[in-house]
Amino acid sequence: MQKTSLFNIVKPYLAISTAFTLAVTLVAGPYLIAEIAPHWQTALWFSLIFMILITIIQIARTEKNTRNLSDQLIVSKERLGNEIKHRLWAEKTASENKVKSQFIDENIPVMLAYFNSDMRCRYHNRIFRRWFGLKPDQIDGRYLKEFSNEEFFSDIQNRIEEILAGKTIHNERVLKSTKGFPYIFTEQYLPHLDNKGKTIGFYTLHTPRAQEKTRVSPKNTKEENTAKAEPKKSDSVPIKNEASFQSSTQTSKQQGITAARIAQAIDGGEFNLYCQKIIPIKPSVSSSSHYEILIRMHEEENNLMPPGSFLPLVDQFKMMPKLDRWIINHIIHWLSDHPNANSVFYLNVAKDSLSDQAFPGFIQDLLKRTGVPASSLCFEVEISDAETLTNDTCTFTNKIRELGCLVSLCSFNETLESFSLLDKIKADYLKIDGSIVCNILRDEDDLAKIISINQFATKAGTQTIAELVETDDITAKLREIGVDYAQGFGIAKPHPFNDLESVA
């Protein structure tokens, strides 16, 4: 092995070494040797020429091999580079998917779980385990009956045969959380079938009524993405019929939930205020700080339930005007205690409050008693509520504008109904529906809608606010279009209203 290895090392140099030796012999031979026979000289010359040819051939072959190796190296380098890129892309995609999956798991505003045919839990999201106040290892792999209460378990137990037979079950009922707060849920039990059509498990989906996808108002998208809980949202939930409403009311009463209990929750401070900043994206639009006021319960604050889950019951018992008064009273007194705040607060007005003829008078009395400038309050009206109660909305907005308050129409979309409302209702701001704002970088139709809305608002002397702004790129595009303000997680997340004390 060593001799072969040594020969292979020396082999490339044999020809050129021999040629060098022959050349030296021919040149120095006459001086070292008296006389070299002519035939030896001829042989030496032929040998030298032969060795030179061999050397040239070796050099050419080496050069060719070098080129081939260089080409192979380039190809290998490109292949390796592509593999590295693909690996990095795969790792990035996997990481993003993991983050997205975790985001969905942590933030989807429903209780979601998966059980096998034996009712052993194989998956659950955060809200599901928070509802029971348990840790993941107290639910993973356990039977439903082991960790759930009788109230939750009984309905599934009664329907399990239908579910395992492949039937999808829909239901609506009131459930109490571990702290005793009631929530109206739409329940769905969805069978999971294998490729042979056999049921191997089922999903449980409990959706708080305020989060239903079938609601009329497009603002539902904004509520889920900005984690908002707005008083007026709950009345957009469709009630299938009067019998369904009565049944839900009766169920609530059977659970011990009454209007007095709702009033107690409001008066007892079981609701807390949050706010989300709205920033100007056009130069010199406003020097004031703008905030939208949101409302949550303690349970919602602690991520036990999605924002707004309690509000259907508030609406059901016609308590939304009382809740709106509580919010307005809190904000006006805060402004009275902070006269230098230089802030504008956007306050959502519920549907029942628009129809409440005494509501504008309540606002007027508060402003007179506290001396708070009316221009610090901007009352937000959902576009769907304005379309349904056009006369009440016109009356309400006219009265509060006479007081000096501002008006905002939110969830504004490019529809004939929306544009026609502006001929009847004078609005200081139009909030562009977040469901089209979030798509403007990839949907030309949505981009065209926003351009059209902004142009229309500019001609009408109304400023525009884009909802659900999630990225800097969207903000840049909105600035390019000429939109005045932006609101969303990409701008600022909601935070407790009391935090404003430090900046007031």
Protein backbone atom coordinates (compact mmCIF):
# COMPACT_ATOMS: atom_id res chain seq x y z
CA MET A 1 0.00 0.00 0.00
CA GLN A 2 2.83 2.41 0.89
CA LYS A 3 4.86 1.63 -2.30
CA THR A 4 1.79 2.11 -4.45
CA SER A 5 0.97 5.29 -2.64
CA LEU A 6 4.56 6.56 -3.10
CA PHE A 7 4.55 5.66 -6.78
CA ASN A 8 1.28 7.50 -7.30
CA ILE A 9 2.82 10.53 -5.68
CA VAL A 10 5.99 10.41 -7.82
CA LYS A 11 4.31 9.31 -11.08
CA PRO A 12 3.19 12.77 -12.32
CA TYR A 13 6.77 14.05 -11.99
CA LEU A 14 8.61 11.14 -13.78
CA ALA A 15 8.24 12.44 -17.31
CA ILE A 16 9.31 16.01 -16.58
CA SER A 17 12.17 14.77 -14.35
CA THR A 18 13.39 12.45 -17.10
CA ALA A 19 13.11 15.23 -19.68
CA PHE A 20 15.07 17.58 -17.41
CA THR A 21 17.78 14.92 -16.90
CA LEU A 22 18.08 14.27 -20.64
CA ALA A 23 18.31 17.99 -21.40
CA VAL A 24 21.07 18.45 -18.81
CA THR A 25 22.90 15.43 -20.22
CA LEU A 26 22.74 16.78 -23.79
CA VAL A 27 23.86 20.24 -22.78
CA ALA A 28 26.52 19.33 -20.22
CA GLY A 29 27.57 16.02 -21.73
CA PRO A 30 30.33 17.35 -24.04
CA TYR A 31 31.95 19.07 -21.09
CA LEU A 32 31.75 16.10 -18.77
CA ILE A 33 32.40 13.31 -21.22
CA ALA A 34 35.08 13.39 -23.87
CA GLU A 35 32.89 12.15 -26.64
CA ILE A 36 29.28 10.84 -26.94
CA ALA A 37 28.59 8.57 -29.81
CA PRO A 38 26.30 10.11 -32.43
CA HIS A 39 23.74 7.32 -32.17
CA TRP A 40 23.51 7.95 -28.39
CA GLN A 41 23.05 11.65 -28.98
CA THR A 42 20.23 10.87 -31.44
CA ALA A 43 18.65 8.50 -28.94
CA LEU A 44 18.92 11.11 -26.19
CA TRP A 45 17.31 13.77 -28.38
CA PHE A 46 14.43 11.46 -29.34
CA SER A 47 14.01 10.50 -25.72
CA LEU A 48 13.98 14.18 -24.69
CA ILE A 49 11.38 15.04 -27.35
CA PHE A 50 9.30 12.02 -26.30
CA MET A 51 9.41 13.01 -22.64
CA ILE A 52 8.49 16.59 -23.54
CA LEU A 53 5.47 15.31 -25.47
CA ILE A 54 4.47 13.11 -22.53
CA THR A 55 4.85 16.12 -20.20
CA ILE A 56 2.70 18.27 -22.52
CA ILE A 57 0.06 15.52 -22.62
CA GLN A 58 0.14 15.24 -18.83
CA ILE A 59 -0.22 19.00 -18.47
CA ALA A 60 -3.14 19.05 -20.90
CA ARG A 61 -4.77 16.13 -19.14
CA THR A 62 -4.20 17.77 -15.75
CA GLU A 63 -5.67 21.01 -17.01
CA LYS A 64 -8.68 19.16 -18.37
CA ASN A 65 -9.15 17.31 -15.09
CA THR A 66 -8.75 20.60 -13.23
CA ARG A 67 -11.48 22.17 -15.37
CA ASN A 68 -13.73 19.16 -14.82
CA LEU A 69 -13.12 19.26 -11.10
CA SER A 70 -13.71 23.01 -11.10
CA ASP A 71 -17.01 22.54 -12.95
CA GLN A 72 -17.99 19.76 -10.55
CA LEU A 73 -17.05 21.98 -7.63
CA ILE A 74 -19.19 24.80 -8.98
CA VAL A 75 -22.12 22.43 -9.50
CA SER A 76 -21.63 20.95 -6.03
CA LYS A 77 -21.37 24.43 -4.57
CA GLU A 78 -24.60 25.49 -6.27
CA ARG A 79 -26.31 22.28 -5.18
CA LEU A 80 -25.07 22.76 -1.64
CA GLY A 81 -26.17 26.38 -1.71
CA ASN A 82 -29.63 25.36 -2.91
CA GLU A 83 -29.81 22.67 -0.28
CA ILE A 84 -28.83 25.17 2.39
CA LYS A 85 -31.46 27.60 1.10
CA HIS A 86 -34.10 24.88 1.04
CA ARG A 87 -33.12 23.76 4.51
CA LEU A 88 -33.23 27.30 5.85
CA TRP A 89 -36.57 27.83 4.09
CA ALA A 90 -37.87 24.56 5.54
CA GLU A 91 -36.67 25.51 9.02
CA LYS A 92 -38.16 28.99 8.69
CA THR A 93 -41.44 27.59 7.36
CA ALA A 94 -41.56 25.01 10.14
CA SER A 95 -40.82 27.72 12.69
CA GLU A 96 -43.47 30.03 11.22
CA ASN A 97 -46.00 27.22 11.09
CA LYS A 98 -45.22 26.39 14.69
CA VAL A 99 -45.70 30.02 15.67
CA LYS A 100 -48.92 30.21 13.65
CA SER A 101 -50.20 26.98 15.15
CA GLN A 102 -49.34 28.23 18.60
CA PHE A 103 -50.95 31.58 17.85
CA ILE A 104 -54.13 29.86 16.69
CA ASP A 105 -54.06 27.54 19.68
CA GLU A 106 -53.55 30.41 22.09
CA ASN A 107 -55.84 33.01 20.54
CA ILE A 108 -58.69 31.31 18.67
CA PRO A 109 -61.74 32.67 20.52
CA VAL A 110 -63.51 29.33 20.98
CA MET A 111 -63.18 26.30 23.22
CA LEU A 112 -61.82 23.56 20.97
CA ALA A 113 -60.97 19.96 21.84
CA TYR A 114 -60.65 16.59 20.12
CA PHE A 115 -61.63 13.25 21.65
CA ASN A 116 -61.24 9.71 20.35
CA SER A 117 -64.19 7.32 20.22
CA ASP A 118 -63.61 6.41 23.88
CA MET A 119 -63.96 10.11 24.84
CA ARG A 120 -60.29 10.37 25.76
CA CYS A 121 -58.92 13.88 25.08
CA ARG A 122 -56.21 14.04 22.40
CA TYR A 123 -56.11 17.79 21.79
CA HIS A 124 -57.34 20.96 23.51
CA ASN A 125 -56.62 24.64 23.11
CA ARG A 126 -55.81 27.16 25.80
CA ILE A 127 -59.34 28.51 26.28
CA PHE A 128 -60.66 24.96 26.71
CA ARG A 129 -58.31 24.20 29.61
CA ARG A 130 -58.72 27.68 31.07
CA TRP A 131 -62.48 27.11 31.21
CA PHE A 132 -61.91 24.20 33.57
CA GLY A 133 -58.99 25.88 35.34
CA LEU A 134 -56.67 22.95 34.60
CA LYS A 135 -53.12 22.46 33.35
CA PRO A 136 -52.41 20.62 30.06
CA ASP A 137 -51.22 17.44 31.79
CA GLN A 138 -54.49 17.32 33.72
CA ILE A 139 -56.41 16.99 30.44
CA ASP A 140 -54.04 15.30 27.94
CA GLY A 141 -54.99 11.65 27.43
CA ARG A 142 -57.69 11.71 30.10
CA TYR A 143 -61.33 10.76 29.76
CA LEU A 144 -63.75 13.66 29.46
CA LYS A 145 -65.61 12.58 32.58
CA GLU A 146 -62.40 12.68 34.63
CA PHE A 147 -61.79 16.43 34.31
CA SER A 148 -65.09 18.02 33.22
CA ASN A 149 -68.05 18.85 35.40
CA GLU A 150 -71.44 17.18 35.09
CA GLU A 151 -72.95 20.22 33.38
CA PHE A 152 -70.43 20.06 30.53
CA PHE A 153 -70.20 16.28 30.30
CA SER A 154 -73.91 15.43 30.35
CA ASP A 155 -74.80 16.92 26.97
CA ILE A 156 -71.97 15.07 25.20
CA GLN A 157 -72.83 11.83 27.04
CA ASN A 158 -76.45 12.10 25.89
CA ARG A 159 -75.42 12.69 22.27
CA ILE A 160 -72.43 10.38 21.99
CA GLU A 161 -74.28 7.66 20.06
CA GLU A 162 -75.44 10.16 17.45
CA ILE A 163 -71.94 11.67 17.20
CA LEU A 164 -70.25 8.29 16.75
CA ALA A 165 -72.86 7.46 14.12
CA GLY A 166 -71.43 10.36 12.09
CA LYS A 167 -74.01 13.03 12.88
CA THR A 168 -72.98 16.64 13.44
CA ILE A 169 -74.74 18.10 16.49
CA HIS A 170 -75.61 21.80 16.95
CA ASN A 171 -76.92 23.20 20.20
CA GLU A 172 -77.13 26.41 22.23
CA ARG A 173 -77.07 26.69 26.01
CA VAL A 174 -75.73 28.67 28.94
CA LEU A 175 -72.67 27.38 30.80
CA LYS A 176 -71.14 28.76 33.96
CA SER A 177 -67.41 29.18 34.31
CA THR A 178 -65.48 28.01 37.35
CA LYS A 179 -66.04 31.47 38.86
CA GLY A 180 -69.79 31.29 38.33
CA PHE A 181 -70.08 33.73 35.41
CA PRO A 182 -72.61 32.59 32.79
CA TYR A 183 -71.91 32.58 29.04
CA ILE A 184 -74.15 31.74 26.12
CA PHE A 185 -72.47 29.14 23.92
CA THR A 186 -73.22 27.70 20.53
CA GLU A 187 -72.06 24.07 20.72
CA GLN A 188 -70.98 21.90 17.84
CA TYR A 189 -69.92 18.26 17.99
CA LEU A 190 -68.19 17.29 14.76
CA PRO A 191 -67.43 13.60 14.02
CA HIS A 192 -64.00 12.69 12.62
CA LEU A 193 -64.22 9.99 9.95
CA ASP A 194 -61.41 7.83 8.58
CA ASN A 195 -61.03 6.98 4.87
CA LYS A 196 -63.49 4.09 5.31
CA GLY A 197 -66.18 6.36 6.72
CA LYS A 198 -65.84 5.07 10.27
CA THR A 199 -66.03 7.56 13.14
CA ILE A 200 -62.72 7.48 15.03
CA GLY A 201 -63.24 10.56 17.16
CA PHE A 202 -64.99 13.91 17.36
CA TYR A 203 -64.32 17.62 17.87
CA THR A 204 -66.10 19.77 20.41
CA LEU A 205 -66.48 23.41 19.47
CA HIS A 206 -67.98 25.85 21.97
CA THR A 207 -68.36 29.33 20.51
CA PRO A 208 -69.42 32.27 22.68
CA ARG A 209 -72.37 33.95 21.02
CA ALA A 210 -70.48 37.23 20.62
CA GLN A 211 -67.85 35.42 18.51
CA GLU A 212 -70.15 33.63 16.05
CA LYS A 213 -69.09 33.81 12.41
CA THR A 214 -72.68 34.07 11.19
CA ARG A 215 -73.22 37.49 12.66
CA VAL A 216 -74.34 40.17 10.25
CA SER A 217 -71.82 42.81 11.15
CA PRO A 218 -68.44 42.57 9.34
CA LYS A 219 -66.78 44.04 12.43
CA ASN A 220 -66.60 40.52 13.80
CA THR A 221 -63.29 40.11 11.99
CA LYS A 222 -61.86 43.11 13.76
CA GLU A 223 -63.08 41.92 17.14
CA GLU A 224 -61.32 38.59 16.82
CA ASN A 225 -58.06 39.99 15.50
CA THR A 226 -57.77 42.94 17.84
CA ALA A 227 -59.17 41.06 20.83
CA LYS A 228 -61.81 43.72 21.35
CA ALA A 229 -64.95 43.52 23.41
CA GLU A 230 -67.34 46.22 22.28
CA PRO A 231 -70.78 46.62 23.82
CA LYS A 232 -72.57 47.06 20.53
CA LYS A 233 -71.20 43.96 18.92
CA SER A 234 -73.39 41.51 20.74
CA ASP A 235 -76.66 42.69 19.22
CA SER A 236 -75.47 41.68 15.76
CA VAL A 237 -75.74 38.03 16.71
CA PRO A 238 -78.66 36.60 14.73
CA ILE A 239 -81.50 35.09 16.74
CA LYS A 240 -83.06 32.36 14.62
CA ASN A 241 -86.58 33.02 15.84
CA GLU A 242 -88.55 34.31 18.81
CA ALA A 243 -88.89 30.82 20.22
CA SER A 244 -85.10 30.46 20.20
CA PHE A 245 -84.74 33.75 22.06
CA GLN A 246 -87.33 32.77 24.65
CA SER A 247 -85.67 29.40 25.07
CA SER A 248 -82.31 31.07 25.65
CA THR A 249 -83.90 33.47 28.14
CA GLN A 250 -85.60 30.65 29.99
CA THR A 251 -82.34 28.73 30.12
CA SER A 252 -80.61 31.79 31.54
CA LYS A 253 -83.27 32.14 34.23
CA GLN A 254 -82.98 28.46 35.05
CA GLN A 255 -79.27 29.02 35.60
CA GLY A 256 -80.09 31.83 38.06
CA ILE A 257 -79.01 34.59 35.68
CA THR A 258 -81.21 37.67 35.89
CA ALA A 259 -81.14 41.30 34.82
CA ALA A 260 -80.40 42.15 38.44
CA ARG A 261 -77.29 39.95 38.29
CA ILE A 262 -76.15 41.75 35.14
CA ALA A 263 -76.75 45.12 36.79
CA GLN A 264 -74.81 43.91 39.82
CA ALA A 265 -71.88 42.99 37.55
CA ILE A 266 -71.88 46.50 36.09
CA ASP A 267 -72.31 48.35 39.38
CA GLY A 268 -69.84 46.05 41.13
CA GLY A 269 -67.04 46.87 38.71
CA GLU A 270 -66.85 43.37 37.24
CA PHE A 271 -66.23 45.10 33.91
CA ASN A 272 -62.92 46.88 33.30
CA LEU A 273 -61.99 49.39 30.64
CA TYR A 274 -59.21 48.93 28.10
CA CYS A 275 -58.09 51.24 25.34
CA GLN A 276 -56.32 50.92 22.00
CA LYS A 277 -54.38 53.77 20.48
CA ILE A 278 -55.24 55.23 17.07
CA ILE A 279 -52.32 57.03 15.42
CA PRO A 280 -52.21 59.59 12.61
CA ILE A 281 -50.32 58.36 9.56
CA LYS A 282 -50.56 61.60 7.61
CA PRO A 283 -48.33 64.51 8.67
CA SER A 284 -49.99 67.18 10.83
CA VAL A 285 -53.35 65.40 11.05
CA SER A 286 -53.89 65.93 14.77
CA SER A 287 -51.96 66.85 17.88
CA SER A 288 -54.37 64.97 20.16
CA SER A 289 -53.97 61.38 21.31
CA HIS A 290 -56.76 59.15 20.04
CA TYR A 291 -57.94 55.99 21.84
CA GLU A 292 -60.80 53.57 21.32
CA ILE A 293 -62.39 52.44 24.58
CA LEU A 294 -62.95 48.69 24.98
CA ILE A 295 -64.64 46.77 27.76
CA ARG A 296 -63.78 43.43 29.32
CA MET A 297 -64.71 41.39 32.30
CA HIS A 298 -62.20 40.16 34.87
CA GLU A 299 -62.33 36.67 33.38
CA GLU A 300 -61.68 38.05 29.92
CA GLU A 301 -58.79 40.08 31.29
CA ASN A 302 -57.21 36.94 32.68
CA ASN A 303 -57.59 35.20 29.30
CA LEU A 304 -60.18 32.83 30.71
CA MET A 305 -62.67 33.73 28.00
CA PRO A 306 -62.59 35.70 24.73
CA PRO A 307 -63.50 39.39 24.93
CA GLY A 308 -67.19 40.05 24.52
CA SER A 309 -68.37 36.59 25.59
CA PHE A 310 -70.50 37.95 28.43
CA LEU A 311 -72.12 40.70 26.36
CA PRO A 312 -74.87 38.60 24.70
CA LEU A 313 -76.45 38.19 28.13
CA VAL A 314 -76.11 41.93 28.77
CA ASP A 315 -77.86 42.56 25.46
CA GLN A 316 -80.43 39.84 26.06
CA PHE A 317 -81.63 41.55 29.23
CA LYS A 318 -81.62 44.98 27.52
CA MET A 319 -78.85 46.21 29.82
CA MET A 320 -76.56 47.66 27.11
CA PRO A 321 -77.70 51.28 27.67
CA LYS A 322 -76.85 50.90 31.37
CA LEU A 323 -73.42 49.55 30.45
CA ASP A 324 -72.87 52.37 27.94
CA ARG A 325 -73.75 54.92 30.63
CA TRP A 326 -71.28 53.30 33.01
CA ILE A 327 -68.50 53.58 30.41
CA ILE A 328 -69.29 57.19 29.48
CA ASN A 329 -69.55 58.24 33.12
CA HIS A 330 -66.13 56.67 33.80
CA ILE A 331 -64.46 58.37 30.81
CA ILE A 332 -65.95 61.81 31.41
CA HIS A 333 -64.93 61.81 35.06
CA TRP A 334 -61.43 60.69 34.06
CA LEU A 335 -61.22 63.63 31.64
CA SER A 336 -62.46 65.92 34.39
CA ASP A 337 -59.62 64.73 36.64
CA HIS A 338 -57.07 65.09 33.82
CA PRO A 339 -57.87 68.40 32.09
CA ASN A 340 -54.49 68.46 30.33
CA ALA A 341 -54.81 65.01 28.80
CA ASN A 342 -55.49 66.35 25.26
CA SER A 343 -57.09 63.04 24.28
CA VAL A 344 -60.03 61.97 22.13
CA PHE A 345 -61.83 58.82 23.26
CA TYR A 346 -63.89 56.74 20.84
CA LEU A 347 -66.91 55.23 22.63
CA ASN A 348 -68.95 52.45 21.06
CA VAL A 349 -72.70 52.99 21.15
CA ALA A 350 -74.92 49.91 21.41
CA LYS A 351 -78.00 49.48 19.28
CA ASP A 352 -80.39 49.90 22.20
CA SER A 353 -78.60 53.10 23.24
CA LEU A 354 -79.26 54.62 19.81
CA SER A 355 -82.98 54.10 20.43
CA ASP A 356 -82.80 55.49 23.97
CA GLN A 357 -84.14 59.05 23.70
CA ALA A 358 -82.78 59.93 27.15
CA PHE A 359 -79.25 58.92 26.26
CA PRO A 360 -78.12 62.25 24.66
CA GLY A 361 -79.53 64.12 27.67
CA PHE A 362 -77.49 61.93 30.01
CA ILE A 363 -74.35 62.85 28.08
CA GLN A 364 -75.27 66.55 28.09
CA ASP A 365 -75.81 66.60 31.85
CA LEU A 366 -72.46 64.92 32.51
CA LEU A 367 -70.59 67.36 30.28
CA LYS A 368 -72.23 70.37 31.96
CA ARG A 369 -71.50 69.13 35.47
CA THR A 370 -67.86 68.26 34.80
CA GLY A 371 -66.91 70.98 32.31
CA VAL A 372 -65.23 68.40 30.07
CA PRO A 373 -64.90 69.57 26.43
CA ALA A 374 -67.38 67.66 24.28
CA SER A 375 -64.81 67.36 21.49
CA SER A 376 -62.92 64.87 23.66
CA LEU A 377 -65.67 62.30 23.00
CA CYS A 378 -66.24 60.55 19.69
CA PHE A 379 -69.23 58.21 19.58
CA GLU A 380 -68.83 55.19 17.32
CA VAL A 381 -71.84 53.76 15.54
CA GLU A 382 -71.67 50.40 13.79
CA ILE A 383 -72.59 50.80 10.12
CA SER A 384 -74.99 47.83 10.32
CA ASP A 385 -76.78 49.46 13.29
CA ALA A 386 -77.02 52.75 11.40
CA GLU A 387 -78.55 50.96 8.42
CA THR A 388 -81.07 49.13 10.63
CA LEU A 389 -81.99 52.15 12.78
CA THR A 390 -81.35 55.02 10.38
CA ASN A 391 -83.87 57.45 11.92
CA ASP A 392 -82.72 56.75 15.50
CA THR A 393 -79.09 57.08 14.44
CA CYS A 394 -79.72 60.41 12.70
CA THR A 395 -81.52 61.75 15.76
CA PHE A 396 -78.78 60.59 18.12
CA THR A 397 -75.87 61.88 16.02
CA ASN A 398 -77.54 65.24 15.43
CA LYS A 399 -78.09 65.76 19.16
CA ILE A 400 -74.58 64.85 20.25
CA ARG A 401 -73.03 66.91 17.45
CA GLU A 402 -75.02 69.87 18.76
CA LEU A 403 -73.26 69.27 22.07
CA GLY A 404 -69.90 69.43 20.30
CA CYS A 405 -69.16 65.69 20.38
CA LEU A 406 -67.71 63.84 17.41
CA VAL A 407 -69.20 60.94 15.43
CA SER A 408 -67.53 57.93 13.83
CA LEU A 409 -69.12 55.35 11.53
CA CYS A 410 -67.22 52.09 11.85
CA SER A 411 -66.89 48.92 9.78
CA PHE A 412 -67.40 51.09 6.71
CA ASN A 413 -67.34 49.12 3.48
CA GLU A 414 -67.81 50.03 -0.15
CA THR A 415 -71.54 49.41 -0.44
CA LEU A 416 -74.31 51.62 -1.77
CA GLU A 417 -76.04 51.47 1.60
CA SER A 418 -72.91 52.70 3.38
CA PHE A 419 -72.36 55.61 1.01
CA SER A 420 -76.03 56.62 1.09
CA LEU A 421 -75.87 56.85 4.90
CA LEU A 422 -73.36 59.68 4.65
CA ASP A 423 -76.02 61.81 2.99
CA LYS A 424 -78.14 61.42 6.13
CA ILE A 425 -75.56 61.14 8.90
CA LYS A 426 -72.78 63.67 9.32
CA ALA A 427 -69.68 61.77 10.50
CA ASP A 428 -66.34 63.21 11.51
CA TYR A 429 -64.57 59.90 10.94
CA LEU A 430 -65.08 56.81 8.79
CA LYS A 431 -63.51 53.64 10.11
CA ILE A 432 -62.66 51.45 7.13
CA ASP A 433 -63.63 47.84 7.74
CA GLY A 434 -60.61 45.81 8.87
CA SER A 435 -61.60 42.82 6.75
CA ILE A 436 -60.57 44.73 3.62
CA VAL A 437 -57.68 46.66 5.20
CA CYS A 438 -55.78 43.49 6.10
CA ASN A 439 -55.86 42.29 2.46
CA ILE A 440 -54.78 45.41 0.58
CA LEU A 441 -51.27 44.08 -0.17
CA ARG A 442 -52.57 40.94 -1.87
CA ASP A 443 -56.06 41.79 -3.09
CA GLU A 444 -56.43 44.47 -5.75
CA ASP A 445 -60.20 44.66 -5.25
CA ASP A 446 -59.83 45.46 -1.56
CA LEU A 447 -57.14 48.02 -2.37
CA ALA A 448 -59.47 49.66 -4.89
CA LYS A 449 -62.25 49.73 -2.27
CA ILE A 450 -60.06 51.56 0.23
CA ILE A 451 -58.94 54.07 -2.39
CA SER A 452 -62.57 54.70 -3.33
CA ILE A 453 -63.70 55.07 0.30
CA ASN A 454 -60.85 57.44 1.09
CA GLN A 455 -61.54 59.59 -1.96
CA PHE A 456 -65.24 59.72 -1.12
CA ALA A 457 -64.54 60.64 2.51
CA THR A 458 -62.06 63.35 1.51
CA LYS A 459 -64.64 64.99 -0.75
CA ALA A 460 -67.17 64.83 2.09
CA GLY A 461 -64.71 66.44 4.52
CA THR A 462 -64.54 63.30 6.66
CA GLN A 463 -61.32 61.79 7.96
CA THR A 464 -60.61 58.08 7.57
CA ILE A 465 -59.34 55.50 10.07
CA ALA A 466 -58.13 52.09 8.89
CA GLU A 467 -58.96 49.23 11.25
CA LEU A 468 -56.97 46.01 11.72
CA VAL A 469 -53.59 47.39 10.64
CA GLU A 470 -51.13 44.59 11.39
CA THR A 471 -47.84 45.41 9.61
CA ASP A 472 -45.59 48.31 8.67
CA ASP A 473 -46.11 47.49 4.99
CA ILE A 474 -49.86 47.98 5.34
CA THR A 475 -49.26 51.24 7.19
CA ALA A 476 -46.98 52.43 4.36
CA LYS A 477 -49.60 51.55 1.73
CA LEU A 478 -52.34 53.36 3.68
CA ARG A 479 -50.09 56.42 3.97
CA GLU A 480 -49.53 56.27 0.21
CA ILE A 481 -53.31 56.14 -0.37
CA GLY A 482 -53.85 59.11 1.94
CA VAL A 483 -55.72 57.47 4.84
CA ASP A 484 -55.60 59.74 7.92
CA TYR A 485 -55.37 57.30 10.88
CA ALA A 486 -54.56 53.66 11.59
CA GLN A 487 -55.59 51.26 14.35
CA GLY A 488 -54.64 47.63 15.01
CA PHE A 489 -52.12 45.30 16.59
CA GLY A 490 -49.46 46.62 14.19
CA ILE A 491 -50.02 50.07 15.72
CA ALA A 492 -50.70 49.33 19.38
CA LYS A 493 -52.26 46.51 21.39
CA PRO A 494 -55.12 47.16 23.79
CA HIS A 495 -53.98 47.91 27.34
CA PRO A 496 -55.73 48.74 30.63
CA PHE A 497 -57.27 52.18 30.62
CA ASN A 498 -55.69 52.91 34.01
CA ASP A 499 -52.28 52.81 32.34
CA LEU A 500 -53.11 56.22 30.86
CA GLU A 501 -52.66 57.70 34.32
CA SER A 502 -48.89 57.63 33.81
CA VAL A 503 -49.04 59.60 30.57
CA ALA A 504 -51.90 61.94 31.38
